N, C-alpha and C. Protein backbone atom coordinates (compact mmCIF):
# COMPACT_ATOMS: atom_id res chain seq x y z
N MET A 1 4.95 11.06 -2.41
CA MET A 1 3.71 11.47 -3.69
C MET A 1 4.31 12.53 -4.36
N ASP A 2 4.09 12.56 -5.83
CA ASP A 2 4.52 13.29 -6.64
C ASP A 2 3.38 13.81 -7.69
N LEU A 3 2.77 14.66 -7.44
CA LEU A 3 1.86 14.94 -8.21
C LEU A 3 2.09 15.05 -10.02
N ASP A 4 2.97 15.66 -10.10
CA ASP A 4 3.51 16.17 -11.07
C ASP A 4 3.90 14.82 -11.99
N ALA A 5 4.53 14.04 -11.16
CA ALA A 5 4.87 12.63 -11.99
C ALA A 5 3.79 11.30 -12.25
N GLY A 6 2.61 11.93 -11.07
CA GLY A 6 1.77 10.93 -11.02
C GLY A 6 1.78 9.54 -10.20
N VAL A 7 2.52 9.63 -9.35
CA VAL A 7 3.03 8.66 -8.54
C VAL A 7 2.57 8.75 -7.11
N PHE A 8 2.24 7.87 -6.58
CA PHE A 8 1.45 7.98 -5.07
C PHE A 8 2.20 6.88 -4.44
N ILE A 9 2.53 7.17 -3.12
CA ILE A 9 3.00 5.59 -2.07
C ILE A 9 2.36 5.88 -1.00
N VAL A 10 2.14 4.45 -0.11
CA VAL A 10 1.92 4.68 1.23
C VAL A 10 2.68 3.51 1.66
N CYS A 11 3.25 3.86 2.56
CA CYS A 11 4.04 2.51 3.40
C CYS A 11 3.72 2.24 4.77
N ASP A 12 4.07 1.37 5.57
CA ASP A 12 3.53 0.91 7.03
C ASP A 12 4.97 0.66 7.83
N GLY A 13 5.68 1.03 8.52
CA GLY A 13 6.81 0.79 8.87
C GLY A 13 6.48 -0.15 10.12
N MET A 14 7.28 -1.19 10.27
CA MET A 14 7.69 -2.20 11.15
C MET A 14 9.22 -2.28 11.78
N GLY A 15 9.01 -2.67 13.23
CA GLY A 15 10.22 -2.72 13.85
C GLY A 15 10.59 -1.92 15.01
N GLY A 16 9.65 -1.47 15.28
CA GLY A 16 9.72 -0.56 16.68
C GLY A 16 9.27 0.88 15.76
N VAL A 17 9.13 1.84 16.77
CA VAL A 17 8.83 3.30 16.21
C VAL A 17 9.98 3.61 15.34
N GLU A 18 11.12 4.09 15.80
CA GLU A 18 12.37 4.43 15.01
C GLU A 18 12.60 3.63 13.81
N GLY A 19 12.88 2.28 13.97
CA GLY A 19 12.83 1.36 12.82
C GLY A 19 11.84 1.83 11.58
N GLY A 20 10.78 1.60 12.10
CA GLY A 20 9.46 1.36 11.40
C GLY A 20 9.68 2.82 10.25
N GLU A 21 9.60 3.80 11.03
CA GLU A 21 9.69 5.36 10.49
C GLU A 21 11.00 5.40 9.70
N ILE A 22 12.22 5.06 9.82
CA ILE A 22 13.24 4.88 8.90
C ILE A 22 12.92 4.18 7.76
N ALA A 23 12.64 2.95 7.86
CA ALA A 23 12.33 2.01 7.08
C ALA A 23 11.54 2.53 5.93
N SER A 24 10.11 3.02 6.41
CA SER A 24 9.13 3.62 5.45
C SER A 24 9.55 4.70 4.72
N ARG A 25 10.54 5.88 5.21
CA ARG A 25 10.72 6.76 4.59
C ARG A 25 11.64 6.58 3.89
N LEU A 26 12.53 5.67 4.02
CA LEU A 26 13.91 5.27 2.93
C LEU A 26 13.23 4.87 1.67
N VAL A 27 12.44 3.42 2.13
CA VAL A 27 11.67 2.92 0.81
C VAL A 27 10.69 4.07 -0.05
N ALA A 28 10.01 4.41 0.56
CA ALA A 28 9.11 5.74 -0.20
C ALA A 28 9.77 6.61 -1.08
N ASP A 29 11.04 7.50 -0.53
CA ASP A 29 11.92 8.11 -0.95
C ASP A 29 12.50 7.16 -2.35
N GLU A 30 13.15 6.29 -1.93
CA GLU A 30 14.42 5.52 -2.91
C GLU A 30 13.17 5.26 -4.08
N VAL A 31 11.80 4.66 -3.84
CA VAL A 31 11.12 4.03 -4.98
C VAL A 31 10.74 5.45 -5.79
N LEU A 32 10.52 6.65 -5.20
CA LEU A 32 9.93 7.95 -5.89
C LEU A 32 11.11 8.43 -6.63
N ALA A 33 12.26 8.33 -6.06
CA ALA A 33 13.82 8.81 -6.93
C ALA A 33 13.71 7.79 -8.03
N ALA A 34 13.66 6.50 -7.94
CA ALA A 34 14.09 5.44 -8.84
C ALA A 34 12.95 6.14 -10.22
N TYR A 35 11.74 6.09 -9.69
CA TYR A 35 10.87 6.34 -10.68
C TYR A 35 11.13 7.45 -11.53
N ARG A 36 11.56 8.76 -10.87
CA ARG A 36 11.61 10.10 -11.40
C ARG A 36 12.52 9.64 -12.40
N ALA A 37 13.65 9.33 -12.07
CA ALA A 37 15.02 9.02 -12.70
C ALA A 37 14.86 8.21 -14.12
N SER A 38 13.75 7.09 -14.16
CA SER A 38 13.77 6.35 -15.14
C SER A 38 12.71 6.32 -16.36
N LEU A 39 12.22 7.71 -16.14
CA LEU A 39 10.86 8.00 -17.16
C LEU A 39 11.73 8.66 -18.19
N PRO A 40 11.26 8.83 -19.57
CA PRO A 40 10.53 7.61 -19.70
C PRO A 40 11.23 6.12 -20.21
N SER A 41 10.63 5.14 -20.23
CA SER A 41 10.91 3.95 -20.25
C SER A 41 10.29 3.10 -21.50
N PRO A 42 11.25 2.59 -22.21
CA PRO A 42 10.38 2.01 -23.52
C PRO A 42 9.91 0.39 -22.98
N ASN A 43 10.26 0.17 -21.82
CA ASN A 43 9.62 -1.00 -21.30
C ASN A 43 8.39 -0.91 -20.04
N GLY A 44 8.13 0.45 -20.03
CA GLY A 44 6.88 0.90 -19.24
C GLY A 44 7.18 1.09 -17.64
N VAL A 45 6.14 1.30 -16.91
CA VAL A 45 6.53 1.50 -15.69
C VAL A 45 6.57 0.25 -14.82
N LEU A 46 5.95 -0.91 -14.80
CA LEU A 46 6.02 -1.89 -13.55
C LEU A 46 7.48 -2.19 -13.77
N PRO A 47 8.20 -2.64 -14.66
CA PRO A 47 9.70 -3.05 -14.32
C PRO A 47 10.60 -1.53 -13.18
N ILE A 48 10.17 -0.53 -13.48
CA ILE A 48 11.03 0.85 -12.62
C ILE A 48 10.21 0.71 -11.53
N LEU A 49 9.20 0.20 -11.11
CA LEU A 49 8.56 0.18 -9.87
C LEU A 49 9.49 -1.08 -8.98
N ARG A 50 9.44 -2.08 -9.96
CA ARG A 50 9.97 -3.50 -9.38
C ARG A 50 11.48 -3.11 -8.79
N THR A 51 12.22 -3.03 -9.95
CA THR A 51 13.44 -2.29 -9.66
C THR A 51 13.54 -1.24 -8.41
N GLY A 52 12.99 -0.45 -8.29
CA GLY A 52 12.99 0.66 -7.06
C GLY A 52 12.79 -0.20 -5.83
N ILE A 53 11.84 -0.89 -5.74
CA ILE A 53 11.21 -1.83 -4.62
C ILE A 53 12.56 -2.71 -4.19
N GLU A 54 13.13 -3.30 -4.98
CA GLU A 54 14.19 -4.31 -4.89
C GLU A 54 15.23 -3.67 -4.33
N ARG A 55 15.67 -2.27 -5.01
CA ARG A 55 16.86 -1.74 -4.53
C ARG A 55 16.81 -1.22 -3.18
N ALA A 56 15.67 -0.75 -2.75
CA ALA A 56 15.44 -0.07 -1.45
C ALA A 56 15.11 -1.36 -0.32
N ASN A 57 14.74 -2.40 -0.81
CA ASN A 57 14.64 -3.34 0.27
C ASN A 57 16.26 -3.93 0.56
N LEU A 58 16.99 -3.79 -0.49
CA LEU A 58 18.51 -4.05 -0.06
C LEU A 58 19.01 -3.14 0.85
N ASP A 59 18.86 -1.85 0.46
CA ASP A 59 19.27 -0.86 1.34
C ASP A 59 18.82 -1.17 2.99
N VAL A 60 17.30 -1.39 2.97
CA VAL A 60 16.88 -1.16 4.26
C VAL A 60 17.54 -2.61 5.04
N PHE A 61 17.42 -3.67 4.54
CA PHE A 61 18.02 -4.92 5.34
C PHE A 61 19.61 -4.70 5.36
N ARG A 62 20.47 -3.92 4.54
CA ARG A 62 21.61 -3.91 4.97
C ARG A 62 22.04 -2.75 6.24
N LEU A 63 20.92 -1.73 6.41
CA LEU A 63 20.98 -0.77 7.29
C LEU A 63 20.51 -1.72 8.69
N GLY A 64 19.53 -2.42 8.26
CA GLY A 64 19.05 -3.16 9.70
C GLY A 64 20.14 -4.05 10.34
N SER A 65 20.81 -4.83 9.33
CA SER A 65 22.05 -5.76 9.89
C SER A 65 23.06 -5.31 10.17
N GLN A 66 23.47 -3.88 10.24
CA GLN A 66 24.74 -2.88 10.40
C GLN A 66 24.37 -2.22 11.86
N ASP A 67 22.91 -2.30 12.47
CA ASP A 67 22.59 -1.54 13.43
C ASP A 67 21.57 -2.23 14.15
N ASN A 68 22.20 -2.67 15.52
CA ASN A 68 21.47 -3.57 15.94
C ASN A 68 20.05 -2.96 16.77
N SER A 69 20.07 -1.75 16.70
CA SER A 69 18.77 -1.01 17.06
C SER A 69 17.83 -0.90 16.37
N LEU A 70 18.18 -1.26 14.94
CA LEU A 70 17.03 -1.49 13.90
C LEU A 70 16.76 -2.91 13.15
N HIS A 71 17.36 -3.69 13.62
CA HIS A 71 17.54 -5.02 13.42
C HIS A 71 15.91 -5.15 12.95
N GLY A 72 15.69 -5.84 12.11
CA GLY A 72 14.19 -6.59 11.88
C GLY A 72 13.36 -5.18 11.43
N MET A 73 13.97 -4.40 11.29
CA MET A 73 13.08 -3.46 10.75
C MET A 73 12.62 -3.38 9.22
N GLY A 74 11.58 -3.00 8.82
CA GLY A 74 11.06 -3.27 7.64
C GLY A 74 9.70 -2.54 7.23
N THR A 75 9.01 -2.58 6.24
CA THR A 75 7.91 -1.63 5.66
C THR A 75 7.11 -2.37 4.66
N THR A 76 5.70 -2.11 4.71
CA THR A 76 4.93 -2.69 3.68
C THR A 76 4.88 -1.59 2.44
N ILE A 77 4.38 -1.64 1.25
CA ILE A 77 4.42 -0.67 0.45
C ILE A 77 3.31 -0.79 -0.54
N VAL A 78 2.51 0.20 -0.83
CA VAL A 78 1.86 -0.03 -2.18
C VAL A 78 1.90 1.52 -2.97
N VAL A 79 2.08 0.92 -4.23
CA VAL A 79 2.37 2.42 -5.10
C VAL A 79 1.46 2.36 -6.36
N LEU A 80 0.82 3.57 -6.55
CA LEU A 80 0.42 3.77 -7.55
C LEU A 80 0.99 4.64 -8.85
N ALA A 81 0.95 4.42 -10.10
CA ALA A 81 1.54 5.41 -11.13
C ALA A 81 0.64 5.29 -12.14
N LEU A 82 0.28 6.97 -12.06
CA LEU A 82 -1.11 6.95 -13.29
C LEU A 82 -0.36 7.64 -14.64
N SER A 83 -0.26 7.06 -15.61
CA SER A 83 -0.35 7.76 -16.99
C SER A 83 -1.70 8.05 -17.72
N SER A 84 -1.78 8.38 -18.77
CA SER A 84 -2.76 9.10 -19.34
C SER A 84 -3.71 7.78 -19.57
N THR A 85 -3.17 6.47 -19.40
CA THR A 85 -4.03 5.53 -20.12
C THR A 85 -4.16 4.22 -18.84
N LEU A 86 -3.05 4.51 -18.33
CA LEU A 86 -2.78 3.17 -17.25
C LEU A 86 -2.76 3.42 -15.85
N ALA A 87 -3.29 2.63 -14.87
CA ALA A 87 -2.93 2.60 -13.69
C ALA A 87 -1.92 1.54 -13.52
N SER A 88 -0.64 1.83 -12.83
CA SER A 88 0.05 0.39 -12.43
C SER A 88 0.51 0.59 -10.88
N VAL A 89 0.55 -0.84 -10.49
CA VAL A 89 0.51 -0.54 -9.08
C VAL A 89 1.21 -1.79 -8.88
N ALA A 90 2.43 -1.66 -7.39
CA ALA A 90 3.08 -2.17 -7.36
C ALA A 90 2.87 -2.47 -5.54
N HIS A 91 2.67 -3.58 -5.11
CA HIS A 91 2.99 -3.57 -3.62
C HIS A 91 3.79 -4.67 -2.98
N VAL A 92 4.01 -4.66 -1.80
CA VAL A 92 4.35 -5.59 -0.90
C VAL A 92 3.81 -5.38 0.34
N GLY A 93 3.17 -6.76 1.13
CA GLY A 93 2.71 -6.62 2.38
C GLY A 93 1.15 -6.27 2.21
N ASP A 94 0.31 -6.01 3.42
CA ASP A 94 -0.93 -5.77 3.22
C ASP A 94 -1.35 -4.38 3.24
N SER A 95 -0.78 -3.53 3.03
CA SER A 95 -1.17 -2.09 2.62
C SER A 95 -1.91 -2.26 1.21
N ARG A 96 -3.25 -1.74 0.97
CA ARG A 96 -3.77 -1.88 -0.24
C ARG A 96 -4.13 -0.96 -1.31
N CYS A 97 -4.65 -1.30 -2.20
CA CYS A 97 -5.01 -0.10 -3.21
C CYS A 97 -6.37 -0.74 -3.82
N TYR A 98 -7.48 0.05 -3.71
CA TYR A 98 -8.60 -0.04 -4.02
C TYR A 98 -8.99 0.95 -5.29
N ARG A 99 -10.07 0.38 -5.88
CA ARG A 99 -10.33 1.29 -7.05
C ARG A 99 -12.44 1.32 -6.75
N LEU A 100 -12.83 2.69 -7.03
CA LEU A 100 -13.90 2.77 -7.02
C LEU A 100 -14.57 3.49 -8.34
N ARG A 101 -15.24 2.47 -9.26
CA ARG A 101 -15.83 3.07 -10.42
C ARG A 101 -17.07 2.68 -10.88
N SER A 102 -18.07 3.67 -10.93
CA SER A 102 -19.07 3.13 -11.20
C SER A 102 -19.90 3.05 -10.05
N GLY A 103 -19.55 3.36 -9.02
CA GLY A 103 -20.07 2.97 -7.73
C GLY A 103 -19.64 1.82 -7.08
N VAL A 104 -18.79 0.88 -7.84
CA VAL A 104 -18.40 -0.31 -7.39
C VAL A 104 -17.11 -0.20 -6.61
N LEU A 105 -16.78 -0.68 -5.59
CA LEU A 105 -15.49 -0.72 -5.21
C LEU A 105 -14.93 -1.96 -5.17
N GLU A 106 -13.53 -2.12 -5.56
CA GLU A 106 -12.82 -3.35 -5.69
C GLU A 106 -11.54 -3.16 -5.06
N GLN A 107 -11.12 -4.12 -4.42
CA GLN A 107 -9.79 -4.20 -4.05
C GLN A 107 -8.78 -4.90 -5.19
N LEU A 108 -7.88 -4.14 -5.34
CA LEU A 108 -6.99 -4.29 -6.62
C LEU A 108 -5.75 -5.36 -6.06
N THR A 109 -5.44 -5.18 -4.97
CA THR A 109 -4.36 -5.75 -4.53
C THR A 109 -4.76 -6.99 -3.64
N HIS A 110 -3.85 -8.05 -3.44
CA HIS A 110 -3.92 -9.17 -2.47
C HIS A 110 -3.05 -9.00 -1.22
N ASP A 111 -3.55 -9.09 -0.14
CA ASP A 111 -2.68 -8.74 1.03
C ASP A 111 -1.62 -9.52 1.09
N HIS A 112 -0.45 -9.61 1.47
CA HIS A 112 0.23 -10.76 1.49
C HIS A 112 0.83 -10.92 3.02
N SER A 113 -0.42 -11.88 3.71
CA SER A 113 -0.39 -12.09 4.97
C SER A 113 -0.73 -13.52 5.07
N PHE A 114 -0.63 -14.24 6.40
CA PHE A 114 -1.22 -15.29 6.95
C PHE A 114 -2.55 -15.82 6.56
N VAL A 115 -3.39 -14.80 7.08
CA VAL A 115 -4.92 -14.98 7.07
C VAL A 115 -5.48 -15.03 5.63
N ALA A 116 -4.72 -14.02 4.81
CA ALA A 116 -5.20 -14.08 3.55
C ALA A 116 -4.92 -15.05 2.53
N GLU A 117 -3.45 -15.49 2.82
CA GLU A 117 -3.37 -16.83 1.99
C GLU A 117 -4.15 -18.07 2.83
N GLN A 118 -4.60 -17.98 3.98
CA GLN A 118 -5.22 -19.08 4.18
C GLN A 118 -6.75 -18.63 3.55
N VAL A 119 -7.09 -17.80 3.48
CA VAL A 119 -8.75 -17.96 2.74
C VAL A 119 -8.56 -18.18 1.11
N ALA A 120 -7.27 -17.96 0.41
CA ALA A 120 -7.24 -18.01 -0.73
C ALA A 120 -7.15 -19.48 -0.88
N ARG A 121 -6.64 -20.37 0.26
CA ARG A 121 -6.55 -21.88 -0.16
C ARG A 121 -8.03 -22.51 0.44
N GLY A 122 -8.81 -21.43 1.10
CA GLY A 122 -9.89 -22.42 1.43
C GLY A 122 -10.01 -22.94 2.86
N THR A 123 -8.78 -22.64 3.33
CA THR A 123 -8.55 -23.39 5.07
C THR A 123 -9.50 -22.28 5.86
N MET A 124 -9.66 -21.10 5.62
CA MET A 124 -10.11 -20.11 6.56
C MET A 124 -11.03 -19.33 5.85
N THR A 125 -12.25 -18.88 6.49
CA THR A 125 -13.34 -17.95 5.83
C THR A 125 -12.82 -16.39 5.94
N THR A 126 -13.34 -15.70 5.31
CA THR A 126 -13.24 -14.38 5.61
C THR A 126 -13.38 -13.77 7.07
N HIS A 127 -14.52 -14.24 7.46
CA HIS A 127 -14.70 -13.88 9.07
C HIS A 127 -13.77 -14.49 9.89
N GLU A 128 -13.38 -15.92 9.88
CA GLU A 128 -12.26 -16.23 10.86
C GLU A 128 -10.87 -15.48 10.30
N ALA A 129 -10.82 -14.94 9.13
CA ALA A 129 -9.20 -14.21 9.04
C ALA A 129 -9.50 -12.99 9.82
N ALA A 130 -10.80 -12.58 9.80
CA ALA A 130 -11.29 -10.70 10.29
C ALA A 130 -10.90 -10.83 11.83
N ILE A 131 -11.04 -12.34 12.52
CA ILE A 131 -11.20 -12.36 13.87
C ILE A 131 -9.83 -13.05 14.25
N SER A 132 -9.22 -13.51 13.53
CA SER A 132 -7.79 -14.61 13.82
C SER A 132 -6.83 -13.78 14.46
N PRO A 133 -6.38 -14.40 15.58
CA PRO A 133 -5.21 -13.66 16.29
C PRO A 133 -3.92 -13.36 15.42
N MET A 134 -4.36 -14.30 14.03
CA MET A 134 -2.63 -14.23 13.28
C MET A 134 -3.13 -13.33 12.43
N ARG A 135 -4.13 -12.51 12.39
CA ARG A 135 -4.48 -11.42 11.35
C ARG A 135 -3.38 -10.05 11.07
N ASN A 136 -2.44 -10.02 12.30
CA ASN A 136 -1.35 -9.06 12.02
C ASN A 136 0.00 -9.62 11.11
N VAL A 137 -0.22 -10.98 11.13
CA VAL A 137 0.86 -11.62 10.56
C VAL A 137 1.12 -11.15 8.97
N ILE A 138 2.32 -10.57 8.59
CA ILE A 138 2.14 -10.50 6.96
C ILE A 138 3.55 -11.39 6.70
N THR A 139 3.34 -11.89 5.38
CA THR A 139 4.13 -12.81 4.88
C THR A 139 5.25 -12.64 3.97
N ARG A 140 5.28 -10.94 3.56
CA ARG A 140 6.32 -10.37 2.87
C ARG A 140 6.07 -8.80 3.18
N ALA A 141 7.58 -8.60 3.48
CA ALA A 141 7.71 -6.83 3.44
C ALA A 141 8.96 -6.96 3.29
N VAL A 142 9.34 -5.16 2.84
CA VAL A 142 10.46 -4.60 2.37
C VAL A 142 11.42 -4.20 3.57
N GLY A 143 12.40 -5.01 3.23
CA GLY A 143 13.89 -4.65 4.27
C GLY A 143 13.66 -5.78 4.99
N THR A 144 13.03 -6.80 5.50
CA THR A 144 13.13 -8.09 6.13
C THR A 144 14.09 -9.16 5.93
N ALA A 145 14.31 -8.98 4.46
CA ALA A 145 15.02 -10.27 3.85
C ALA A 145 15.78 -9.59 2.87
N LEU A 146 17.20 -10.52 2.36
CA LEU A 146 18.07 -10.16 1.64
C LEU A 146 17.27 -9.94 0.25
N GLN A 147 16.11 -10.57 -0.24
CA GLN A 147 15.34 -10.43 -1.34
C GLN A 147 13.84 -9.86 -1.26
N VAL A 148 13.08 -9.69 -2.03
CA VAL A 148 11.68 -9.52 -2.10
C VAL A 148 10.92 -9.26 -3.01
N GLU A 149 9.86 -10.04 -3.22
CA GLU A 149 9.23 -9.57 -4.61
C GLU A 149 8.13 -8.92 -4.53
N ALA A 150 7.96 -7.84 -5.49
CA ALA A 150 6.96 -7.24 -5.29
C ALA A 150 5.65 -7.41 -6.30
N GLU A 151 4.47 -7.49 -5.99
CA GLU A 151 3.54 -7.87 -6.78
C GLU A 151 3.17 -6.62 -7.73
N LEU A 152 2.83 -7.08 -9.00
CA LEU A 152 2.65 -5.80 -9.86
C LEU A 152 1.71 -6.02 -10.84
N HIS A 153 0.61 -5.05 -11.02
CA HIS A 153 -0.52 -5.16 -11.74
C HIS A 153 -0.70 -3.68 -12.54
N GLU A 154 -1.13 -3.89 -13.64
CA GLU A 154 -1.98 -2.60 -14.47
C GLU A 154 -3.21 -2.87 -15.08
N TRP A 155 -3.99 -1.60 -14.91
CA TRP A 155 -5.19 -1.60 -15.28
C TRP A 155 -5.74 -0.41 -16.43
N ALA A 156 -6.41 -0.27 -17.09
CA ALA A 156 -6.65 0.87 -18.08
C ALA A 156 -7.76 1.93 -17.05
N ILE A 157 -7.10 2.87 -17.19
CA ILE A 157 -8.07 3.97 -16.35
C ILE A 157 -9.38 4.51 -17.21
N GLU A 158 -10.21 4.94 -16.23
CA GLU A 158 -11.41 5.39 -16.98
C GLU A 158 -11.65 6.72 -16.41
N SER A 159 -12.49 7.73 -16.90
CA SER A 159 -12.72 9.18 -16.05
C SER A 159 -13.68 8.64 -15.19
N GLY A 160 -13.27 9.31 -13.96
CA GLY A 160 -14.39 9.24 -13.04
C GLY A 160 -13.91 8.06 -12.19
N ASP A 161 -12.74 7.63 -12.33
CA ASP A 161 -12.13 6.40 -11.32
C ASP A 161 -11.69 7.29 -10.13
N THR A 162 -11.76 6.76 -8.88
CA THR A 162 -11.32 6.96 -7.61
C THR A 162 -10.58 5.63 -7.02
N TYR A 163 -9.04 5.85 -7.16
CA TYR A 163 -8.30 5.24 -6.21
C TYR A 163 -7.96 5.44 -4.77
N LEU A 164 -7.93 4.51 -3.76
CA LEU A 164 -7.49 4.60 -2.45
C LEU A 164 -6.21 3.72 -2.08
N LEU A 165 -4.91 4.26 -1.41
CA LEU A 165 -4.12 3.40 -1.36
C LEU A 165 -4.07 3.66 0.27
N THR A 166 -3.94 2.71 1.26
CA THR A 166 -4.18 2.70 2.60
C THR A 166 -3.48 1.65 3.35
N THR A 167 -3.27 1.81 4.65
CA THR A 167 -2.53 0.98 5.55
C THR A 167 -3.47 -0.02 5.94
N ASP A 168 -3.12 -0.85 6.78
CA ASP A 168 -4.37 -1.78 7.57
C ASP A 168 -4.78 -1.24 8.64
N GLY A 169 -4.31 -0.14 8.95
CA GLY A 169 -5.15 0.70 10.14
C GLY A 169 -6.41 0.93 9.70
N LEU A 170 -6.50 1.21 8.80
CA LEU A 170 -7.89 1.66 8.19
C LEU A 170 -9.04 0.42 7.74
N THR A 171 -8.27 -0.64 6.97
CA THR A 171 -9.10 -1.73 6.77
C THR A 171 -9.56 -2.45 7.65
N ARG A 172 -8.58 -2.44 8.72
CA ARG A 172 -9.13 -3.36 9.73
C ARG A 172 -10.16 -2.97 10.71
N GLU A 173 -10.49 -1.97 10.68
CA GLU A 173 -11.45 -0.76 11.35
C GLU A 173 -12.61 -0.72 10.62
N ILE A 174 -12.66 -0.35 9.53
CA ILE A 174 -13.83 -0.04 8.58
C ILE A 174 -14.17 -1.03 7.53
N SER A 175 -15.71 -1.27 7.49
CA SER A 175 -16.04 -2.38 6.11
C SER A 175 -15.52 -1.56 4.75
N ASP A 176 -15.41 -2.37 4.01
CA ASP A 176 -15.50 -2.21 2.56
C ASP A 176 -16.53 -1.22 2.16
N GLN A 177 -17.97 -1.79 2.56
CA GLN A 177 -18.76 -0.82 2.46
C GLN A 177 -19.02 0.60 2.82
N LEU A 178 -18.31 0.99 4.31
CA LEU A 178 -18.27 2.02 4.51
C LEU A 178 -17.14 2.85 3.63
N ILE A 179 -16.06 1.80 3.19
CA ILE A 179 -15.19 2.96 2.42
C ILE A 179 -15.58 3.25 0.95
N SER A 180 -16.43 2.57 0.32
CA SER A 180 -17.01 2.77 -0.49
C SER A 180 -18.15 4.04 -0.21
N GLN A 181 -19.04 3.90 0.62
CA GLN A 181 -19.83 5.20 0.95
C GLN A 181 -19.19 6.65 1.06
N ILE A 182 -17.99 6.25 1.52
CA ILE A 182 -17.21 7.86 1.80
C ILE A 182 -16.80 8.28 0.66
N LEU A 183 -15.94 7.20 0.02
CA LEU A 183 -15.35 7.81 -1.44
C LEU A 183 -16.28 8.50 -2.33
N SER A 184 -17.90 7.60 -1.95
CA SER A 184 -18.63 8.50 -2.83
C SER A 184 -19.19 9.60 -2.73
N GLU A 185 -19.30 9.89 -1.27
CA GLU A 185 -19.87 11.08 -0.42
C GLU A 185 -19.10 12.20 -0.54
N ASN A 186 -17.74 12.17 -0.39
CA ASN A 186 -16.79 13.04 -0.35
C ASN A 186 -15.83 13.11 -1.59
N TYR A 187 -16.04 14.03 -2.41
CA TYR A 187 -15.52 14.16 -3.88
C TYR A 187 -14.15 14.46 -3.61
N GLU A 188 -13.81 15.64 -2.62
CA GLU A 188 -12.49 16.42 -2.82
C GLU A 188 -11.40 14.94 -1.74
N PRO A 189 -10.47 14.77 -2.71
CA PRO A 189 -9.58 13.74 -2.02
C PRO A 189 -9.10 14.25 -0.60
N GLY A 190 -8.72 15.16 -0.44
CA GLY A 190 -8.63 15.34 1.01
C GLY A 190 -9.52 15.24 2.11
N LEU A 191 -10.95 15.70 1.41
CA LEU A 191 -11.68 15.29 2.55
C LEU A 191 -12.43 14.10 2.70
N ALA A 192 -12.07 13.42 1.85
CA ALA A 192 -12.49 11.87 1.86
C ALA A 192 -11.67 11.18 2.76
N CYS A 193 -9.99 11.49 2.46
CA CYS A 193 -9.11 11.21 3.50
C CYS A 193 -9.45 10.98 5.16
N ASP A 194 -10.02 12.73 5.15
CA ASP A 194 -10.36 13.10 6.40
C ASP A 194 -11.69 12.35 6.92
N ALA A 195 -12.42 11.87 6.23
CA ALA A 195 -13.60 11.29 6.51
C ALA A 195 -13.21 9.73 6.95
N LEU A 196 -12.37 9.15 6.13
CA LEU A 196 -12.01 7.65 6.28
C LEU A 196 -11.11 7.70 7.67
N VAL A 197 -10.35 8.86 7.68
CA VAL A 197 -9.53 8.37 8.70
C VAL A 197 -10.07 8.73 10.47
N SER A 198 -11.25 9.71 10.37
CA SER A 198 -12.25 9.54 11.55
C SER A 198 -13.15 8.57 11.52
N ALA A 199 -13.64 7.72 10.48
CA ALA A 199 -14.34 6.87 10.75
C ALA A 199 -13.76 5.81 11.43
N ALA A 200 -12.46 5.46 11.09
CA ALA A 200 -11.52 4.23 11.63
C ALA A 200 -11.11 4.59 13.15
N ASN A 201 -11.25 5.90 13.48
CA ASN A 201 -11.02 6.12 14.46
C ASN A 201 -11.77 6.20 15.50
N GLN A 202 -13.02 6.36 15.16
CA GLN A 202 -14.38 6.08 15.83
C GLN A 202 -14.78 4.72 16.00
N SER A 203 -14.09 3.85 15.01
CA SER A 203 -14.52 2.24 14.99
C SER A 203 -13.34 1.85 16.10
N GLY A 204 -12.29 2.49 16.54
CA GLY A 204 -11.36 1.70 17.59
C GLY A 204 -10.22 2.70 17.54
N GLY A 205 -9.47 2.83 16.48
CA GLY A 205 -8.03 3.41 15.71
C GLY A 205 -7.00 2.81 16.75
N ARG A 206 -7.11 1.41 16.23
CA ARG A 206 -5.87 0.90 17.38
C ARG A 206 -4.78 0.85 16.72
N ASP A 207 -4.46 1.31 15.49
CA ASP A 207 -3.13 1.28 14.85
C ASP A 207 -3.18 2.46 13.91
N ASN A 208 -1.91 3.29 13.38
CA ASN A 208 -1.71 4.12 12.86
C ASN A 208 -2.42 3.79 11.63
N ILE A 209 -3.01 5.33 10.89
CA ILE A 209 -3.57 5.01 9.32
C ILE A 209 -2.68 6.37 8.56
N SER A 210 -2.60 5.56 7.40
CA SER A 210 -2.17 6.53 6.46
C SER A 210 -2.86 6.13 5.07
N CYS A 211 -3.56 7.39 4.31
CA CYS A 211 -4.05 6.95 3.18
C CYS A 211 -4.01 8.19 2.12
N ILE A 212 -4.02 7.63 0.98
CA ILE A 212 -3.89 8.61 -0.15
C ILE A 212 -5.26 8.33 -1.05
N VAL A 213 -6.00 9.27 -1.21
CA VAL A 213 -7.08 9.35 -2.16
C VAL A 213 -6.73 10.02 -3.63
N VAL A 214 -6.91 9.54 -4.82
CA VAL A 214 -6.90 9.86 -6.17
C VAL A 214 -7.91 9.86 -7.00
N ARG A 215 -8.27 10.80 -7.53
CA ARG A 215 -9.68 10.77 -8.53
C ARG A 215 -9.19 11.30 -9.80
N ILE A 216 -9.75 10.80 -11.02
CA ILE A 216 -9.47 10.83 -11.97
C ILE A 216 -10.59 11.58 -12.93
N ALA A 217 -10.14 12.71 -13.32
CA ALA A 217 -11.14 13.57 -13.67
C ALA A 217 -11.61 13.22 -15.23
């Protein structure tokens, strides 16, 4: 996270405790460094985020290939970069970006997961996806293959917008309705994060949780 640059990153590592931590830290650091080094850019922010993720992916993949103890490590990522007019989002995997605007919560990213793809195809309902034994299976991650494609989007920002970046440890434990309620009731971003994590832990807390809340003045 870099408040001065207006860029926020959440990663969720995989491949064991050590491998997951290394992958998530490396990817976050490299994407942030690429973002800082490339601004201002005449082509906008999204190409910078794409390139940063692709380079980080290659580095993680090579490291995992060279060290058997790190083989298969990788990470999800969701990045939010804010300018004076735009919210630019890049993501890989099932870590999400939400926006609360005028009391309405919207999931801005689409999970790269087996169950999300089945729901999109109409072969599984959202309820079936929520209880499926395959719900942990992601179809895209940073560092697990030689190449990765980040999904990229941009939206105009409005005063009063609230953005939430979070790992699936939060979204699998509490509903979007509760997320919306907590974001609406806890204006200070740090307090909102604390309340979200507390609610997820009270609901089971079966996975690590990382989240960032960003308010637009």
